[in-house]
């Protein structure tokens, strides 16, 4: 579970502004407007994944990955605090080939997978066919 305590958040009341979900320097209030301190709890960062690895007689492995999280479109916070599921990765790798949806080849390799909104980094997840 992700927990964020904001002393002077900005925007709308009730967990509906972007600073309640992740740090955004542009949402820091510079005037007397804003809301009082707020504690936000969310499970949106939860990730579920399934991996397989099958070795064939030639010694070459077929690997697959399916990963989802809950950063899809907003659901309803009134009763159930629901969020929609989002596909992060779905690909297979075989003999140097990667086919499916995953991070672009142009994304830096040093970015932790836990970051939802990387700062000062290229972030692109797309369908691709790549040979590495």
N, C-alpha and C. Protein backbone atom coordinates (compact mmCIF):
# COMPACT_ATOMS: atom_id res chain seq x y z
N UNK A 1 0.84 -1.17 0.00
CA UNK A 1 0.00 0.00 0.00
C UNK A 1 0.89 1.23 0.00
N UNK A 2 0.51 2.21 -0.78
CA UNK A 2 1.23 3.47 -0.85
C UNK A 2 0.55 4.47 0.07
N UNK A 3 1.34 5.18 0.86
CA UNK A 3 0.81 6.17 1.80
C UNK A 3 1.48 7.50 1.54
N UNK A 4 0.68 8.55 1.39
CA UNK A 4 1.21 9.89 1.15
C UNK A 4 0.56 10.84 2.15
N UNK A 5 1.38 11.59 2.89
CA UNK A 5 0.87 12.63 3.78
C UNK A 5 1.29 13.97 3.21
N UNK A 6 0.32 14.80 2.91
CA UNK A 6 0.59 16.12 2.34
C UNK A 6 0.13 17.18 3.33
N UNK A 7 1.06 18.03 3.73
CA UNK A 7 0.69 19.09 4.67
C UNK A 7 -0.13 20.17 3.98
N UNK A 8 0.28 20.61 2.82
CA UNK A 8 -0.46 21.62 2.07
C UNK A 8 -0.63 21.16 0.63
N UNK A 9 -1.53 20.23 0.40
CA UNK A 9 -1.80 19.78 -0.96
C UNK A 9 -2.57 20.87 -1.69
N UNK A 10 -2.65 20.75 -2.98
CA UNK A 10 -3.41 21.73 -3.75
C UNK A 10 -4.45 21.01 -4.59
N UNK A 11 -5.37 21.76 -5.12
CA UNK A 11 -6.36 21.16 -6.01
C UNK A 11 -7.64 20.83 -5.30
N UNK A 12 -8.28 19.78 -5.77
CA UNK A 12 -9.60 19.40 -5.29
C UNK A 12 -9.50 18.59 -4.00
N UNK A 13 -10.54 18.64 -3.23
CA UNK A 13 -10.61 17.91 -1.97
C UNK A 13 -10.98 16.46 -2.26
N UNK A 14 -10.49 15.55 -1.44
CA UNK A 14 -10.97 14.18 -1.51
C UNK A 14 -10.13 13.23 -2.33
N UNK A 15 -8.83 13.48 -2.44
CA UNK A 15 -7.96 12.53 -3.12
C UNK A 15 -8.08 12.54 -4.63
N UNK A 16 -8.60 13.61 -5.19
CA UNK A 16 -8.80 13.62 -6.64
C UNK A 16 -7.79 14.48 -7.39
N UNK A 17 -6.77 14.97 -6.72
CA UNK A 17 -5.76 15.74 -7.44
C UNK A 17 -4.50 14.90 -7.61
N UNK A 18 -3.68 15.25 -8.58
CA UNK A 18 -2.52 14.41 -8.92
C UNK A 18 -1.51 14.33 -7.79
N UNK A 19 -1.40 15.35 -6.95
CA UNK A 19 -0.42 15.31 -5.87
C UNK A 19 -0.82 14.32 -4.78
N UNK A 20 -2.06 13.86 -4.79
CA UNK A 20 -2.46 12.82 -3.85
C UNK A 20 -2.03 11.44 -4.34
N UNK A 21 -1.57 11.33 -5.58
CA UNK A 21 -1.20 10.04 -6.14
C UNK A 21 0.31 9.89 -6.30
N UNK A 22 1.02 10.96 -6.63
CA UNK A 22 2.47 10.93 -6.74
C UNK A 22 3.00 12.36 -6.65
N UNK A 23 4.28 12.51 -6.33
CA UNK A 23 4.85 13.84 -6.17
C UNK A 23 4.88 14.58 -7.49
N UNK A 24 4.37 15.79 -7.47
CA UNK A 24 4.37 16.67 -8.63
C UNK A 24 4.72 18.06 -8.15
N UNK A 25 5.91 18.55 -8.50
CA UNK A 25 6.35 19.86 -8.02
C UNK A 25 5.41 20.97 -8.44
N UNK A 26 4.76 20.82 -9.59
CA UNK A 26 3.84 21.84 -10.07
C UNK A 26 2.59 21.97 -9.22
N UNK A 27 2.32 21.02 -8.35
CA UNK A 27 1.11 21.09 -7.52
C UNK A 27 1.37 21.69 -6.14
N UNK A 28 2.59 22.11 -5.86
CA UNK A 28 2.89 22.74 -4.57
C UNK A 28 2.29 24.15 -4.58
N UNK A 29 1.39 24.46 -3.63
CA UNK A 29 0.76 25.77 -3.64
C UNK A 29 1.75 26.88 -3.31
N UNK A 30 1.63 28.01 -4.02
CA UNK A 30 2.51 29.14 -3.74
C UNK A 30 1.71 30.34 -3.22
N UNK A 31 0.44 30.11 -2.96
CA UNK A 31 -0.39 31.16 -2.36
C UNK A 31 -1.15 30.54 -1.19
N UNK A 32 -2.11 31.27 -0.65
CA UNK A 32 -2.83 30.80 0.52
C UNK A 32 -3.92 29.79 0.17
N UNK A 33 -4.17 29.52 -1.10
CA UNK A 33 -5.19 28.54 -1.49
C UNK A 33 -4.66 27.14 -1.28
N UNK A 34 -5.52 26.19 -1.29
CA UNK A 34 -5.14 24.79 -1.09
C UNK A 34 -5.99 24.18 -0.02
N UNK A 35 -5.66 22.99 0.37
CA UNK A 35 -6.45 22.31 1.39
C UNK A 35 -5.59 22.07 2.61
N UNK A 36 -6.22 21.67 3.68
CA UNK A 36 -5.48 21.35 4.88
C UNK A 36 -4.74 20.03 4.70
N UNK A 37 -4.00 19.63 5.72
CA UNK A 37 -3.24 18.39 5.65
C UNK A 37 -4.15 17.22 5.30
N UNK A 38 -3.58 16.26 4.58
CA UNK A 38 -4.38 15.14 4.11
C UNK A 38 -3.54 13.87 4.07
N UNK A 39 -4.11 12.76 4.46
CA UNK A 39 -3.47 11.46 4.39
C UNK A 39 -4.18 10.65 3.32
N UNK A 40 -3.41 10.16 2.34
CA UNK A 40 -3.98 9.35 1.26
C UNK A 40 -3.41 7.95 1.33
N UNK A 41 -4.26 6.95 1.28
CA UNK A 41 -3.84 5.55 1.25
C UNK A 41 -4.39 4.94 -0.03
N UNK A 42 -3.55 4.21 -0.75
CA UNK A 42 -4.01 3.60 -1.99
C UNK A 42 -3.24 2.31 -2.27
N UNK A 43 -3.87 1.43 -2.97
CA UNK A 43 -3.23 0.18 -3.40
C UNK A 43 -2.97 0.21 -4.90
N UNK A 44 -3.01 1.41 -5.49
CA UNK A 44 -2.83 1.53 -6.94
C UNK A 44 -1.46 1.04 -7.41
N UNK A 45 -0.45 1.10 -6.54
CA UNK A 45 0.89 0.65 -6.91
C UNK A 45 1.03 -0.87 -6.93
N UNK A 46 0.01 -1.58 -6.49
CA UNK A 46 0.08 -3.04 -6.48
C UNK A 46 0.24 -3.57 -7.89
N UNK A 47 1.15 -4.51 -8.03
CA UNK A 47 1.39 -5.14 -9.33
C UNK A 47 1.22 -6.65 -9.17
N UNK A 48 0.59 -7.25 -10.15
CA UNK A 48 0.46 -8.70 -10.19
C UNK A 48 1.09 -9.17 -11.49
N UNK A 49 1.89 -10.22 -11.39
CA UNK A 49 2.55 -10.71 -12.59
C UNK A 49 2.63 -12.22 -12.58
N UNK A 50 2.80 -12.76 -13.77
CA UNK A 50 3.00 -14.19 -13.95
C UNK A 50 4.12 -14.36 -14.97
N UNK A 51 5.12 -15.17 -14.61
CA UNK A 51 6.25 -15.43 -15.49
C UNK A 51 6.34 -16.92 -15.76
N UNK A 52 6.81 -17.25 -16.95
CA UNK A 52 7.12 -18.64 -17.26
C UNK A 52 8.50 -18.70 -17.89
N UNK A 53 9.14 -19.84 -17.75
CA UNK A 53 10.43 -20.08 -18.39
C UNK A 53 10.49 -21.56 -18.73
N UNK A 54 10.59 -21.83 -20.02
CA UNK A 54 10.61 -23.21 -20.50
C UNK A 54 11.87 -23.42 -21.33
N UNK A 55 12.70 -24.39 -20.92
CA UNK A 55 13.91 -24.70 -21.69
C UNK A 55 13.61 -25.80 -22.68
N UNK A 56 14.12 -25.61 -23.90
CA UNK A 56 13.96 -26.62 -24.93
C UNK A 56 15.25 -27.42 -25.07
N UNK A 57 15.20 -28.49 -25.87
CA UNK A 57 16.34 -29.39 -26.02
C UNK A 57 17.61 -28.68 -26.47
N UNK A 58 17.46 -27.63 -27.25
CA UNK A 58 18.63 -26.89 -27.72
C UNK A 58 19.25 -26.04 -26.63
N UNK A 59 18.64 -25.95 -25.47
CA UNK A 59 19.14 -25.13 -24.38
C UNK A 59 18.63 -23.69 -24.42
N UNK A 60 17.83 -23.39 -25.43
CA UNK A 60 17.27 -22.04 -25.56
C UNK A 60 15.96 -21.97 -24.77
N UNK A 61 15.80 -20.91 -23.99
CA UNK A 61 14.61 -20.77 -23.15
C UNK A 61 13.57 -19.87 -23.80
N UNK A 62 12.32 -20.22 -23.64
CA UNK A 62 11.19 -19.37 -24.00
C UNK A 62 10.69 -18.77 -22.69
N UNK A 63 10.70 -17.44 -22.59
CA UNK A 63 10.25 -16.77 -21.38
C UNK A 63 9.05 -15.89 -21.71
N UNK A 64 8.07 -15.87 -20.82
CA UNK A 64 6.89 -15.01 -20.99
C UNK A 64 6.67 -14.21 -19.71
N UNK A 65 6.04 -13.06 -19.86
CA UNK A 65 5.70 -12.23 -18.71
C UNK A 65 4.38 -11.53 -18.99
N UNK A 66 3.49 -11.57 -18.01
CA UNK A 66 2.24 -10.81 -18.03
C UNK A 66 2.17 -10.05 -16.71
N UNK A 67 2.08 -8.71 -16.77
CA UNK A 67 2.07 -7.89 -15.56
C UNK A 67 0.99 -6.82 -15.68
N UNK A 68 0.22 -6.63 -14.60
CA UNK A 68 -0.84 -5.61 -14.56
C UNK A 68 -0.70 -4.81 -13.27
N UNK A 69 -1.27 -3.60 -13.26
CA UNK A 69 -1.37 -2.80 -12.05
C UNK A 69 -2.73 -2.12 -12.05
N UNK A 70 -2.94 -1.20 -11.13
CA UNK A 70 -4.24 -0.54 -10.98
C UNK A 70 -4.17 0.96 -11.24
N UNK A 71 -3.27 1.37 -12.13
CA UNK A 71 -3.16 2.77 -12.50
C UNK A 71 -3.96 3.08 -13.75
N UNK A 72 -4.97 2.28 -14.06
CA UNK A 72 -5.85 2.57 -15.18
C UNK A 72 -6.72 3.76 -14.82
N UNK A 73 -7.77 3.97 -15.56
CA UNK A 73 -8.63 5.12 -15.30
C UNK A 73 -9.24 5.02 -13.91
N UNK A 74 -9.54 6.19 -13.34
CA UNK A 74 -10.11 6.24 -12.00
C UNK A 74 -11.46 5.54 -11.96
N UNK A 75 -11.67 4.84 -10.88
CA UNK A 75 -12.96 4.20 -10.66
C UNK A 75 -13.83 5.10 -9.80
N UNK A 76 -14.42 4.53 -8.78
CA UNK A 76 -15.36 5.24 -7.93
C UNK A 76 -14.83 5.22 -6.50
N UNK A 77 -14.56 6.39 -5.94
CA UNK A 77 -14.07 6.45 -4.56
C UNK A 77 -15.20 6.59 -3.55
N UNK A 78 -16.43 6.72 -4.00
CA UNK A 78 -17.54 6.96 -3.07
C UNK A 78 -17.83 5.76 -2.18
N UNK A 79 -17.88 4.57 -2.77
CA UNK A 79 -18.23 3.39 -1.99
C UNK A 79 -17.13 2.35 -1.92
N UNK A 80 -16.48 2.11 -3.05
CA UNK A 80 -15.59 0.95 -3.11
C UNK A 80 -14.12 1.29 -3.31
N UNK A 81 -13.77 2.56 -3.51
CA UNK A 81 -12.38 2.97 -3.74
C UNK A 81 -11.74 2.14 -4.85
N UNK A 82 -12.48 1.93 -5.91
CA UNK A 82 -12.01 1.06 -6.99
C UNK A 82 -11.21 1.83 -8.03
N UNK A 83 -10.29 1.13 -8.67
CA UNK A 83 -9.52 1.65 -9.80
C UNK A 83 -9.47 0.55 -10.85
N UNK A 84 -9.38 0.96 -12.09
CA UNK A 84 -9.40 -0.01 -13.18
C UNK A 84 -8.01 -0.61 -13.41
N UNK A 85 -8.00 -1.84 -13.83
CA UNK A 85 -6.77 -2.56 -14.08
C UNK A 85 -6.10 -2.05 -15.36
N UNK A 86 -4.77 -2.09 -15.41
CA UNK A 86 -4.01 -1.60 -16.57
C UNK A 86 -2.93 -2.62 -16.91
N UNK A 87 -2.79 -2.89 -18.19
CA UNK A 87 -1.74 -3.79 -18.67
C UNK A 87 -0.41 -3.05 -18.68
N UNK A 88 0.60 -3.59 -18.01
CA UNK A 88 1.94 -3.00 -18.02
C UNK A 88 2.82 -3.71 -19.04
N UNK A 89 2.99 -5.00 -18.84
CA UNK A 89 3.85 -5.78 -19.73
C UNK A 89 3.13 -7.06 -20.14
N UNK A 90 3.29 -7.43 -21.38
CA UNK A 90 2.80 -8.72 -21.89
C UNK A 90 3.69 -9.05 -23.08
N UNK A 91 4.65 -9.95 -22.87
CA UNK A 91 5.58 -10.26 -23.95
C UNK A 91 6.16 -11.65 -23.77
N UNK A 92 6.81 -12.11 -24.85
CA UNK A 92 7.61 -13.32 -24.74
C UNK A 92 8.98 -13.05 -25.33
N UNK A 93 9.97 -13.79 -24.82
CA UNK A 93 11.35 -13.67 -25.28
C UNK A 93 11.84 -15.05 -25.71
N UNK A 94 12.46 -15.10 -26.87
CA UNK A 94 13.00 -16.36 -27.37
C UNK A 94 14.21 -16.09 -28.25
N UNK A 95 15.34 -16.68 -27.90
CA UNK A 95 16.54 -16.62 -28.72
C UNK A 95 16.93 -15.18 -29.09
N UNK A 96 16.84 -14.25 -28.13
CA UNK A 96 17.23 -12.86 -28.37
C UNK A 96 16.10 -11.97 -28.86
N UNK A 97 14.97 -12.52 -29.23
CA UNK A 97 13.83 -11.74 -29.71
C UNK A 97 12.86 -11.45 -28.57
N UNK A 98 12.34 -10.24 -28.53
CA UNK A 98 11.29 -9.86 -27.60
C UNK A 98 10.10 -9.37 -28.43
N UNK A 99 8.94 -9.97 -28.21
CA UNK A 99 7.74 -9.58 -28.96
C UNK A 99 6.61 -9.39 -27.96
N UNK A 100 5.96 -8.23 -28.01
CA UNK A 100 4.84 -7.93 -27.12
C UNK A 100 4.88 -6.49 -26.68
N UNK A 101 4.33 -6.20 -25.51
CA UNK A 101 4.33 -4.84 -24.96
C UNK A 101 5.22 -4.81 -23.73
N UNK A 102 6.21 -3.91 -23.77
CA UNK A 102 7.10 -3.72 -22.63
C UNK A 102 7.77 -2.35 -22.78
N UNK A 103 8.74 -2.05 -21.91
CA UNK A 103 9.44 -0.78 -22.01
C UNK A 103 10.18 -0.69 -23.33
N UNK A 104 10.18 0.50 -23.90
CA UNK A 104 10.86 0.74 -25.16
C UNK A 104 12.36 0.51 -25.02
N UNK A 105 13.01 0.25 -26.10
CA UNK A 105 14.47 0.11 -26.11
C UNK A 105 15.16 1.41 -25.75
N UNK A 106 14.45 2.54 -25.82
CA UNK A 106 15.03 3.85 -25.55
C UNK A 106 14.89 4.28 -24.10
N UNK A 107 14.29 3.44 -23.25
CA UNK A 107 14.14 3.74 -21.84
C UNK A 107 15.44 3.39 -21.13
N UNK A 108 15.87 4.26 -20.22
CA UNK A 108 17.09 4.00 -19.47
C UNK A 108 16.98 2.73 -18.64
N UNK A 109 18.05 1.98 -18.54
CA UNK A 109 18.03 0.72 -17.82
C UNK A 109 18.12 0.92 -16.30
N UNK A 110 18.45 2.12 -15.83
CA UNK A 110 18.62 2.37 -14.41
C UNK A 110 17.34 2.78 -13.70
N UNK A 111 16.21 2.82 -14.39
CA UNK A 111 14.96 3.26 -13.79
C UNK A 111 14.34 2.12 -12.98
N UNK A 112 14.10 2.32 -11.68
CA UNK A 112 13.46 1.27 -10.88
C UNK A 112 12.04 0.98 -11.39
N UNK A 113 11.65 -0.27 -11.34
CA UNK A 113 10.32 -0.65 -11.83
C UNK A 113 9.22 -0.16 -10.91
N UNK A 114 9.57 0.33 -9.72
CA UNK A 114 8.56 0.80 -8.78
C UNK A 114 8.08 2.22 -9.06
N UNK A 115 8.80 2.97 -9.90
CA UNK A 115 8.41 4.34 -10.19
C UNK A 115 7.22 4.38 -11.13
N UNK A 116 6.20 5.15 -10.78
CA UNK A 116 5.04 5.32 -11.65
C UNK A 116 5.25 6.47 -12.61
N UNK A 117 5.91 7.52 -12.17
CA UNK A 117 6.14 8.70 -13.00
C UNK A 117 7.61 9.09 -12.88
N UNK A 118 8.50 8.44 -13.62
CA UNK A 118 9.93 8.75 -13.50
C UNK A 118 10.21 10.23 -13.76
N UNK A 119 11.11 10.80 -12.96
CA UNK A 119 11.48 12.20 -13.09
C UNK A 119 12.75 12.30 -13.94
N UNK A 120 12.76 13.23 -14.89
CA UNK A 120 13.94 13.47 -15.74
C UNK A 120 14.42 12.20 -16.45
N UNK A 121 13.50 11.44 -16.98
CA UNK A 121 13.86 10.22 -17.68
C UNK A 121 12.86 9.98 -18.80
N UNK A 122 13.32 9.37 -19.85
CA UNK A 122 12.42 9.00 -20.94
C UNK A 122 11.62 7.80 -20.47
N UNK A 123 10.31 7.86 -20.62
CA UNK A 123 9.46 6.74 -20.22
C UNK A 123 8.51 6.44 -21.36
N UNK A 124 8.60 5.23 -21.86
CA UNK A 124 7.74 4.84 -22.96
C UNK A 124 7.52 3.32 -22.89
N UNK A 125 6.29 2.90 -22.81
CA UNK A 125 5.95 1.49 -22.85
C UNK A 125 5.11 1.30 -24.10
N UNK A 126 5.50 0.37 -24.94
CA UNK A 126 4.83 0.25 -26.24
C UNK A 126 4.89 -1.19 -26.74
N UNK A 127 4.07 -1.44 -27.75
CA UNK A 127 4.18 -2.72 -28.46
C UNK A 127 5.45 -2.69 -29.28
N UNK A 128 6.20 -3.79 -29.28
CA UNK A 128 7.45 -3.78 -30.02
C UNK A 128 7.87 -5.17 -30.43
N UNK A 129 8.72 -5.21 -31.42
CA UNK A 129 9.47 -6.39 -31.81
C UNK A 129 10.92 -5.97 -31.78
N UNK A 130 11.71 -6.60 -30.92
CA UNK A 130 13.10 -6.18 -30.75
C UNK A 130 14.02 -7.39 -30.72
N UNK A 131 15.21 -7.20 -31.23
CA UNK A 131 16.26 -8.22 -31.13
C UNK A 131 17.40 -7.63 -30.32
N UNK A 132 17.73 -8.27 -29.23
CA UNK A 132 18.77 -7.74 -28.34
C UNK A 132 19.85 -8.76 -28.14
